[in-house]
C-alpha cells in the first residue's frame, strides 16, 4: 500500500523551480517528496472551526445537564493552537534526490548536497502518548537547517539523510 504522505515522483508533483535548483546543484534524479498531512490552509481552518462548533454544542448540552463543563474549554484552545502551528507549514516540502535534498518552505528553497552536510543531529522526544523526531543538519559552511516535525514520516526522511551523509 502506497504511503500518501511520501509521494511517488510524477512529472507534475515537483515544481519547475525545484527542478532548476536540483540541476544547478547537480542533485540527480528525484526519489521522494515529503509533505505535511494537511497542505491546505482552508482544510486546517475548516477542521479547527468544526472542532470549535462541535465543542460549543457539547458544551451547551453538558451545561443543561449540569455535568463537568470546564474541561470543554481546553478543546477550542487546543484547536486554535494546532491551527496556528499547522498553517505556516502547509507548503513545506522536502524533495529527496539521488545526491541531496531540497527543503522548501514558502518561496524559499534550500538545496543540500549529501557531501556538503557535515553533521546530522537526531533528537527523539518521547511523551506518554507520542514520539517525535527532530532532525537538524549542518552544512560545511556552518549554516544549519532544522526540519519541521510536522512533515509526515519525518523519521523515514531522517533515516535517509543519515544513511546518505554517512
N, C-alpha and C. Protein backbone atom coordinates (compact mmCIF):
# COMPACT_ATOMS: atom_id res chain seq x y z
N UNK A 1 0.84 -1.17 0.00
CA UNK A 1 0.00 0.00 0.00
C UNK A 1 0.89 1.23 0.00
N UNK A 2 0.64 2.14 -0.90
CA UNK A 2 1.46 3.34 -1.03
C UNK A 2 1.14 4.31 0.10
N UNK A 3 2.17 4.95 0.58
CA UNK A 3 2.01 5.95 1.63
C UNK A 3 1.63 7.28 1.00
N UNK A 4 0.48 7.89 1.35
CA UNK A 4 0.06 9.13 0.69
C UNK A 4 0.90 10.33 1.07
N UNK A 5 1.70 10.24 2.13
CA UNK A 5 2.49 11.37 2.57
C UNK A 5 3.89 11.35 1.98
N UNK A 6 4.29 10.24 1.43
CA UNK A 6 5.54 10.14 0.70
C UNK A 6 5.13 9.89 -0.74
N UNK A 7 5.08 10.95 -1.51
CA UNK A 7 4.54 10.85 -2.86
C UNK A 7 5.51 10.15 -3.79
N UNK A 8 4.92 9.33 -4.67
CA UNK A 8 5.71 8.79 -5.77
C UNK A 8 6.01 9.95 -6.71
N UNK A 9 7.18 9.94 -7.28
CA UNK A 9 7.59 11.05 -8.13
C UNK A 9 6.85 10.97 -9.46
N UNK A 10 6.13 12.04 -9.75
CA UNK A 10 5.44 12.20 -11.02
C UNK A 10 5.93 13.51 -11.63
N UNK A 11 5.89 13.63 -12.95
CA UNK A 11 6.42 14.84 -13.58
C UNK A 11 5.81 16.14 -13.05
N UNK A 12 4.53 16.12 -12.68
CA UNK A 12 3.90 17.36 -12.21
C UNK A 12 3.91 17.52 -10.70
N UNK A 13 4.50 16.56 -9.95
CA UNK A 13 4.49 16.65 -8.50
C UNK A 13 5.61 17.55 -7.96
N UNK A 14 6.57 17.89 -8.78
CA UNK A 14 7.67 18.75 -8.36
C UNK A 14 7.63 20.03 -9.17
N UNK A 15 7.61 21.19 -8.47
CA UNK A 15 7.58 22.46 -9.20
C UNK A 15 8.84 22.67 -10.06
N UNK A 16 8.70 23.46 -11.09
CA UNK A 16 9.79 23.71 -12.02
C UNK A 16 11.00 24.33 -11.32
N UNK A 17 10.78 25.24 -10.36
CA UNK A 17 11.91 25.88 -9.69
C UNK A 17 12.72 24.89 -8.84
N UNK A 18 12.07 23.82 -8.37
CA UNK A 18 12.79 22.78 -7.64
C UNK A 18 13.69 22.01 -8.61
N UNK A 19 13.16 21.68 -9.78
CA UNK A 19 13.98 21.02 -10.81
C UNK A 19 15.18 21.90 -11.20
N UNK A 20 14.95 23.20 -11.31
CA UNK A 20 16.04 24.11 -11.67
C UNK A 20 17.12 24.13 -10.60
N UNK A 21 16.71 24.18 -9.33
CA UNK A 21 17.68 24.15 -8.23
C UNK A 21 18.43 22.81 -8.21
N UNK A 22 17.70 21.73 -8.44
CA UNK A 22 18.33 20.40 -8.45
C UNK A 22 19.37 20.30 -9.57
N UNK A 23 19.06 20.87 -10.72
CA UNK A 23 20.01 20.85 -11.84
C UNK A 23 21.22 21.73 -11.53
N UNK A 24 20.98 22.89 -10.92
CA UNK A 24 22.07 23.81 -10.61
C UNK A 24 23.04 23.21 -9.59
N UNK A 25 22.52 22.44 -8.64
CA UNK A 25 23.37 21.84 -7.60
C UNK A 25 23.71 20.38 -7.90
N UNK A 26 23.35 19.91 -9.08
CA UNK A 26 23.65 18.55 -9.54
C UNK A 26 23.21 17.50 -8.52
N UNK A 27 21.92 17.53 -8.19
CA UNK A 27 21.37 16.62 -7.19
C UNK A 27 20.88 15.30 -7.78
N UNK A 28 20.86 15.18 -9.08
CA UNK A 28 20.45 13.92 -9.71
C UNK A 28 18.95 13.82 -9.88
N UNK A 29 18.47 12.60 -9.97
CA UNK A 29 17.06 12.32 -10.21
C UNK A 29 16.28 12.38 -8.90
N UNK A 30 15.02 12.84 -8.95
CA UNK A 30 14.19 12.87 -7.74
C UNK A 30 13.81 11.47 -7.29
N UNK A 31 13.75 11.27 -5.97
CA UNK A 31 13.38 9.98 -5.41
C UNK A 31 12.06 10.04 -4.64
N UNK A 32 11.90 11.04 -3.77
CA UNK A 32 10.70 11.12 -2.96
C UNK A 32 10.37 12.57 -2.63
N UNK A 33 9.10 12.79 -2.29
CA UNK A 33 8.64 14.09 -1.83
C UNK A 33 7.94 13.88 -0.50
N UNK A 34 8.37 14.59 0.54
CA UNK A 34 7.74 14.53 1.85
C UNK A 34 6.92 15.80 2.05
N UNK A 35 5.72 15.65 2.60
CA UNK A 35 4.85 16.79 2.80
C UNK A 35 4.08 16.61 4.11
N UNK A 36 3.48 17.70 4.62
CA UNK A 36 2.67 17.57 5.83
C UNK A 36 1.36 16.84 5.53
N UNK A 37 0.66 16.43 6.57
CA UNK A 37 -0.62 15.75 6.41
C UNK A 37 -1.64 16.68 5.79
N UNK A 38 -1.71 17.91 6.27
CA UNK A 38 -2.66 18.88 5.73
C UNK A 38 -1.89 19.95 4.97
N UNK A 39 -2.19 20.08 3.69
CA UNK A 39 -1.47 21.03 2.85
C UNK A 39 -2.35 22.21 2.43
N UNK A 40 -3.58 22.22 2.87
CA UNK A 40 -4.50 23.31 2.52
C UNK A 40 -4.84 24.12 3.77
N UNK A 41 -4.53 25.41 3.76
CA UNK A 41 -4.90 26.24 4.92
C UNK A 41 -6.41 26.24 5.16
N UNK A 42 -7.20 26.16 4.09
CA UNK A 42 -8.65 26.13 4.26
C UNK A 42 -9.11 24.86 4.97
N UNK A 43 -8.46 23.74 4.69
CA UNK A 43 -8.80 22.49 5.39
C UNK A 43 -8.47 22.61 6.88
N UNK A 44 -7.33 23.21 7.19
CA UNK A 44 -6.95 23.39 8.59
C UNK A 44 -7.94 24.30 9.30
N UNK A 45 -8.29 25.41 8.66
CA UNK A 45 -9.27 26.32 9.25
C UNK A 45 -10.63 25.64 9.40
N UNK A 46 -11.03 24.84 8.40
CA UNK A 46 -12.30 24.13 8.47
C UNK A 46 -12.34 23.13 9.61
N UNK A 47 -11.27 22.38 9.78
CA UNK A 47 -11.19 21.41 10.88
C UNK A 47 -11.25 22.13 12.21
N UNK A 48 -10.49 23.22 12.33
CA UNK A 48 -10.48 23.98 13.58
C UNK A 48 -11.87 24.54 13.89
N UNK A 49 -12.51 25.12 12.89
CA UNK A 49 -13.85 25.68 13.09
C UNK A 49 -14.85 24.57 13.44
N UNK A 50 -14.74 23.43 12.77
CA UNK A 50 -15.63 22.31 13.07
C UNK A 50 -15.47 21.81 14.49
N UNK A 51 -14.23 21.72 14.95
CA UNK A 51 -13.97 21.27 16.33
C UNK A 51 -14.55 22.27 17.32
N UNK A 52 -14.38 23.56 17.05
CA UNK A 52 -14.89 24.58 17.96
C UNK A 52 -16.42 24.56 18.00
N UNK A 53 -17.06 24.43 16.83
CA UNK A 53 -18.53 24.38 16.79
C UNK A 53 -19.05 23.14 17.52
N UNK A 54 -18.43 21.99 17.26
CA UNK A 54 -18.82 20.77 17.95
C UNK A 54 -18.63 20.91 19.46
N UNK A 55 -17.53 21.53 19.85
CA UNK A 55 -17.27 21.73 21.27
C UNK A 55 -18.33 22.63 21.90
N UNK A 56 -18.74 23.67 21.19
CA UNK A 56 -19.78 24.56 21.72
C UNK A 56 -21.09 23.81 21.89
N UNK A 57 -21.45 22.98 20.93
CA UNK A 57 -22.68 22.19 21.02
C UNK A 57 -22.63 21.25 22.22
N UNK A 58 -21.53 20.54 22.38
CA UNK A 58 -21.38 19.64 23.52
C UNK A 58 -21.36 20.44 24.83
N UNK A 59 -20.69 21.58 24.81
CA UNK A 59 -20.61 22.45 25.98
C UNK A 59 -22.00 22.87 26.45
N UNK A 60 -22.84 23.32 25.51
CA UNK A 60 -24.21 23.74 25.84
C UNK A 60 -25.01 22.54 26.36
N UNK A 61 -24.88 21.39 25.73
CA UNK A 61 -25.62 20.20 26.16
C UNK A 61 -25.21 19.79 27.58
N UNK A 62 -23.94 19.85 27.87
CA UNK A 62 -23.47 19.47 29.21
C UNK A 62 -23.88 20.51 30.24
N UNK A 63 -23.88 21.78 29.85
CA UNK A 63 -24.32 22.84 30.76
C UNK A 63 -25.77 22.61 31.18
N UNK A 64 -26.60 22.21 30.24
CA UNK A 64 -28.00 21.97 30.55
C UNK A 64 -28.18 20.76 31.47
N UNK A 65 -27.32 19.78 31.34
CA UNK A 65 -27.40 18.58 32.16
C UNK A 65 -26.71 18.80 33.50
N UNK A 66 -25.74 19.72 33.55
CA UNK A 66 -25.04 20.02 34.79
C UNK A 66 -23.81 19.15 35.01
N UNK A 67 -23.20 18.71 33.95
CA UNK A 67 -22.02 17.86 34.02
C UNK A 67 -20.76 18.72 34.19
N UNK A 68 -19.62 18.12 34.23
CA UNK A 68 -18.36 18.86 34.35
C UNK A 68 -18.09 19.56 33.01
N UNK A 69 -18.30 20.85 32.95
CA UNK A 69 -18.22 21.61 31.70
C UNK A 69 -16.90 22.28 31.48
N UNK A 70 -16.17 22.56 32.51
CA UNK A 70 -14.93 23.34 32.35
C UNK A 70 -13.85 22.61 31.57
N UNK A 71 -13.96 21.29 31.45
CA UNK A 71 -12.98 20.55 30.66
C UNK A 71 -13.10 20.88 29.17
N UNK A 72 -14.29 21.27 28.73
CA UNK A 72 -14.50 21.56 27.31
C UNK A 72 -13.92 22.92 26.89
N UNK A 73 -13.48 23.71 27.83
CA UNK A 73 -12.86 24.99 27.49
C UNK A 73 -11.50 24.75 26.83
N UNK A 74 -10.82 23.68 27.20
CA UNK A 74 -9.49 23.39 26.66
C UNK A 74 -9.53 22.95 25.20
N UNK A 75 -10.63 22.35 24.75
CA UNK A 75 -10.70 21.82 23.38
C UNK A 75 -10.56 22.92 22.33
N UNK A 76 -11.32 24.03 22.41
CA UNK A 76 -11.13 25.08 21.39
C UNK A 76 -9.75 25.73 21.47
N UNK A 77 -9.21 25.85 22.67
CA UNK A 77 -7.87 26.42 22.81
C UNK A 77 -6.85 25.52 22.12
N UNK A 78 -6.96 24.22 22.32
CA UNK A 78 -6.04 23.28 21.66
C UNK A 78 -6.23 23.32 20.14
N UNK A 79 -7.47 23.44 19.67
CA UNK A 79 -7.72 23.50 18.23
C UNK A 79 -7.11 24.76 17.62
N UNK A 80 -7.20 25.87 18.32
CA UNK A 80 -6.63 27.12 17.81
C UNK A 80 -5.11 27.04 17.80
N UNK A 81 -4.52 26.46 18.82
CA UNK A 81 -3.06 26.29 18.85
C UNK A 81 -2.61 25.41 17.71
N UNK A 82 -3.31 24.28 17.48
CA UNK A 82 -2.97 23.38 16.37
C UNK A 82 -3.07 24.12 15.04
N UNK A 83 -4.12 24.93 14.88
CA UNK A 83 -4.31 25.70 13.66
C UNK A 83 -3.14 26.66 13.44
N UNK A 84 -2.75 27.37 14.48
CA UNK A 84 -1.66 28.35 14.38
C UNK A 84 -0.32 27.68 14.08
N UNK A 85 -0.13 26.46 14.53
CA UNK A 85 1.11 25.73 14.25
C UNK A 85 1.08 25.14 12.84
N UNK A 86 -0.07 24.65 12.41
CA UNK A 86 -0.16 23.94 11.13
C UNK A 86 -0.17 24.83 9.91
N UNK A 87 -0.85 25.96 9.97
CA UNK A 87 -0.99 26.80 8.77
C UNK A 87 0.34 27.26 8.20
N UNK A 88 1.31 27.70 8.99
CA UNK A 88 2.57 28.14 8.38
C UNK A 88 3.34 27.03 7.65
N UNK A 89 3.01 25.78 7.93
CA UNK A 89 3.75 24.66 7.32
C UNK A 89 3.00 23.97 6.19
N UNK A 90 1.89 24.56 5.71
CA UNK A 90 1.11 23.89 4.67
C UNK A 90 1.88 23.74 3.36
N UNK A 91 2.82 24.60 3.09
CA UNK A 91 3.58 24.50 1.84
C UNK A 91 5.01 24.03 2.07
N UNK A 92 5.26 23.40 3.19
CA UNK A 92 6.58 22.86 3.49
C UNK A 92 6.75 21.52 2.78
N UNK A 93 7.89 21.35 2.14
CA UNK A 93 8.18 20.10 1.42
C UNK A 93 9.66 19.76 1.58
N UNK A 94 9.96 18.49 1.47
CA UNK A 94 11.34 18.02 1.39
C UNK A 94 11.41 17.12 0.15
N UNK A 95 12.20 17.53 -0.82
CA UNK A 95 12.37 16.79 -2.06
C UNK A 95 13.69 16.05 -1.99
N UNK A 96 13.65 14.73 -1.99
CA UNK A 96 14.86 13.93 -1.89
C UNK A 96 15.30 13.51 -3.29
N UNK A 97 16.58 13.75 -3.57
CA UNK A 97 17.18 13.39 -4.86
C UNK A 97 18.31 12.40 -4.61
N UNK A 98 18.90 11.91 -5.66
CA UNK A 98 19.98 10.93 -5.53
C UNK A 98 21.18 11.48 -4.77
N UNK A 99 21.52 12.75 -4.99
CA UNK A 99 22.75 13.31 -4.41
C UNK A 99 22.49 14.43 -3.41
N UNK A 100 21.26 14.54 -2.92
CA UNK A 100 20.95 15.57 -1.94
C UNK A 100 19.46 15.76 -1.78
N UNK A 101 19.10 16.85 -1.14
CA UNK A 101 17.69 17.16 -0.97
C UNK A 101 17.48 18.66 -1.10
N UNK A 102 16.24 19.02 -1.35
CA UNK A 102 15.86 20.42 -1.38
C UNK A 102 14.74 20.58 -0.37
N UNK A 103 14.98 21.46 0.61
CA UNK A 103 13.99 21.77 1.62
C UNK A 103 13.30 23.05 1.19
N UNK A 104 11.99 23.00 1.05
CA UNK A 104 11.23 24.15 0.59
C UNK A 104 10.16 24.55 1.58
N UNK A 105 10.13 25.85 1.88
CA UNK A 105 9.08 26.40 2.72
C UNK A 105 8.73 27.76 2.15
N UNK A 106 7.46 27.90 1.77
CA UNK A 106 7.07 29.14 1.12
C UNK A 106 7.75 29.22 -0.24
N UNK A 107 8.29 30.37 -0.57
CA UNK A 107 9.00 30.53 -1.83
C UNK A 107 10.49 30.28 -1.70
N UNK A 108 10.94 29.90 -0.52
CA UNK A 108 12.37 29.71 -0.26
C UNK A 108 12.76 28.24 -0.43
N UNK A 109 13.77 28.00 -1.23
CA UNK A 109 14.28 26.65 -1.45
C UNK A 109 15.73 26.57 -0.97
N UNK A 110 16.04 25.53 -0.21
CA UNK A 110 17.40 25.32 0.28
C UNK A 110 17.92 23.98 -0.23
N UNK A 111 18.78 24.02 -1.25
CA UNK A 111 19.37 22.76 -1.73
C UNK A 111 20.53 22.34 -0.83
N UNK A 112 20.59 21.05 -0.55
CA UNK A 112 21.65 20.49 0.29
C UNK A 112 22.17 19.22 -0.37
N UNK A 113 23.43 19.23 -0.74
CA UNK A 113 24.05 18.01 -1.26
C UNK A 113 24.48 17.14 -0.09
N UNK A 114 24.42 15.82 -0.28
CA UNK A 114 24.81 14.92 0.80
C UNK A 114 26.25 15.18 1.22
N UNK A 115 27.14 15.44 0.25
CA UNK A 115 28.55 15.63 0.58
C UNK A 115 28.84 16.99 1.21
N UNK A 116 27.87 17.89 1.26
CA UNK A 116 28.06 19.19 1.90
C UNK A 116 27.49 19.23 3.32
N UNK A 117 26.82 18.16 3.73
CA UNK A 117 26.27 18.10 5.08
C UNK A 117 27.36 17.52 5.99
N UNK A 118 27.74 18.33 6.97
CA UNK A 118 28.83 17.95 7.86
C UNK A 118 28.32 17.11 9.03
N UNK A 119 27.19 17.52 9.62
CA UNK A 119 26.67 16.86 10.82
C UNK A 119 25.15 16.75 10.71
N UNK A 120 24.62 15.65 11.23
CA UNK A 120 23.17 15.47 11.36
C UNK A 120 22.89 15.12 12.82
N UNK A 121 22.03 15.92 13.45
CA UNK A 121 21.60 15.64 14.81
C UNK A 121 20.20 15.10 14.77
N UNK A 122 19.98 14.03 15.52
CA UNK A 122 18.67 13.39 15.59
C UNK A 122 18.26 13.38 17.06
N UNK A 123 17.20 14.11 17.36
CA UNK A 123 16.70 14.19 18.73
C UNK A 123 15.34 13.51 18.78
N UNK A 124 15.21 12.54 19.67
CA UNK A 124 13.95 11.81 19.84
C UNK A 124 13.29 12.33 21.12
N UNK A 125 12.05 12.78 20.98
CA UNK A 125 11.31 13.30 22.11
C UNK A 125 10.13 12.36 22.36
N UNK A 126 10.17 11.71 23.53
CA UNK A 126 9.11 10.76 23.88
C UNK A 126 8.23 11.37 24.95
N UNK A 127 6.93 11.19 24.76
CA UNK A 127 5.98 11.56 25.78
C UNK A 127 5.11 10.35 26.06
N UNK A 128 4.17 10.51 26.91
CA UNK A 128 3.31 9.40 27.26
C UNK A 128 2.52 8.89 26.06
N UNK A 129 2.14 9.81 25.16
CA UNK A 129 1.24 9.46 24.07
C UNK A 129 1.90 9.41 22.69
N UNK A 130 3.07 9.98 22.54
CA UNK A 130 3.67 10.02 21.21
C UNK A 130 5.18 10.13 21.29
N UNK A 131 5.78 9.93 20.14
CA UNK A 131 7.21 10.11 19.98
C UNK A 131 7.43 10.99 18.76
N UNK A 132 8.26 12.00 18.90
CA UNK A 132 8.56 12.85 17.75
C UNK A 132 10.06 12.87 17.51
N UNK A 133 10.41 13.13 16.27
CA UNK A 133 11.81 13.15 15.86
C UNK A 133 12.15 14.53 15.32
N UNK A 134 13.27 15.07 15.79
CA UNK A 134 13.75 16.35 15.28
C UNK A 134 15.11 16.10 14.62
N UNK A 135 15.24 16.61 13.40
CA UNK A 135 16.48 16.46 12.67
C UNK A 135 17.03 17.84 12.35
N UNK A 136 18.30 18.02 12.67
CA UNK A 136 18.99 19.26 12.36
C UNK A 136 20.24 18.89 11.57
N UNK A 137 20.45 19.59 10.45
CA UNK A 137 21.62 19.33 9.60
C UNK A 137 22.49 20.57 9.58
N UNK A 138 23.79 20.37 9.58
CA UNK A 138 24.72 21.48 9.47
C UNK A 138 25.59 21.26 8.24
N UNK A 139 25.62 22.29 7.38
CA UNK A 139 26.46 22.23 6.19
C UNK A 139 27.91 22.54 6.54
N UNK A 140 28.78 22.30 5.57
CA UNK A 140 30.20 22.59 5.75
C UNK A 140 30.47 24.06 6.02
N UNK A 141 29.61 24.95 5.52
CA UNK A 141 29.80 26.38 5.73
C UNK A 141 29.27 26.85 7.09
N UNK A 142 28.76 25.93 7.92
CA UNK A 142 28.29 26.26 9.26
C UNK A 142 26.81 26.54 9.37
N UNK A 143 26.12 26.72 8.26
CA UNK A 143 24.69 27.00 8.30
C UNK A 143 23.94 25.73 8.66
N UNK A 144 22.98 25.86 9.58
CA UNK A 144 22.22 24.68 9.99
C UNK A 144 20.76 24.81 9.58
N UNK A 145 20.12 23.66 9.38
CA UNK A 145 18.74 23.58 8.95
C UNK A 145 18.02 22.59 9.84
N UNK A 146 16.89 23.02 10.38
CA UNK A 146 16.08 22.16 11.23
C UNK A 146 14.83 21.79 10.46
N UNK A 147 14.62 20.50 10.25
CA UNK A 147 13.43 20.03 9.54
C UNK A 147 12.24 20.09 10.48
N UNK A 148 11.12 20.63 10.02
CA UNK A 148 9.94 20.71 10.91
C UNK A 148 9.37 19.33 11.18
N UNK A 149 8.96 19.10 12.41
CA UNK A 149 8.41 17.81 12.79
C UNK A 149 7.03 17.58 12.21
N UNK A 150 6.45 18.60 11.60
CA UNK A 150 5.11 18.47 11.02
C UNK A 150 5.12 17.64 9.73
N UNK A 151 6.29 17.42 9.14
CA UNK A 151 6.37 16.57 7.95
C UNK A 151 6.01 15.14 8.34
N UNK A 152 5.10 14.54 7.58
CA UNK A 152 4.74 13.16 7.86
C UNK A 152 5.92 12.24 7.54
N UNK A 153 6.09 11.27 8.38
CA UNK A 153 7.14 10.27 8.24
C UNK A 153 8.52 10.92 8.20
N UNK A 154 8.70 11.91 9.06
CA UNK A 154 9.98 12.59 9.12
C UNK A 154 11.08 11.62 9.58
N UNK A 155 10.72 10.59 10.33
CA UNK A 155 11.74 9.62 10.74
C UNK A 155 12.30 8.87 9.54
N UNK A 156 11.47 8.59 8.52
CA UNK A 156 11.96 7.96 7.30
C UNK A 156 12.90 8.90 6.54
N UNK A 157 12.50 10.17 6.48
CA UNK A 157 13.36 11.17 5.84
C UNK A 157 14.67 11.29 6.59
N UNK A 158 14.61 11.30 7.91
CA UNK A 158 15.82 11.40 8.72
C UNK A 158 16.75 10.21 8.53
N UNK A 159 16.17 9.02 8.44
CA UNK A 159 16.99 7.82 8.20
C UNK A 159 17.68 7.92 6.84
N UNK A 160 16.94 8.40 5.83
CA UNK A 160 17.53 8.58 4.51
C UNK A 160 18.69 9.57 4.58
N UNK A 161 18.49 10.68 5.27
CA UNK A 161 19.55 11.69 5.39
C UNK A 161 20.76 11.10 6.11
N UNK A 162 20.52 10.42 7.24
CA UNK A 162 21.63 9.83 7.99
C UNK A 162 22.39 8.82 7.15
N UNK A 163 21.67 7.97 6.43
CA UNK A 163 22.33 6.96 5.58
C UNK A 163 23.16 7.60 4.48
N UNK A 164 22.60 8.60 3.83
CA UNK A 164 23.29 9.23 2.70
C UNK A 164 24.50 10.05 3.16
N UNK A 165 24.38 10.70 4.29
CA UNK A 165 25.50 11.51 4.80
C UNK A 165 26.62 10.62 5.30
N UNK A 166 26.26 9.49 5.94
CA UNK A 166 27.27 8.57 6.44
C UNK A 166 27.97 7.87 5.30
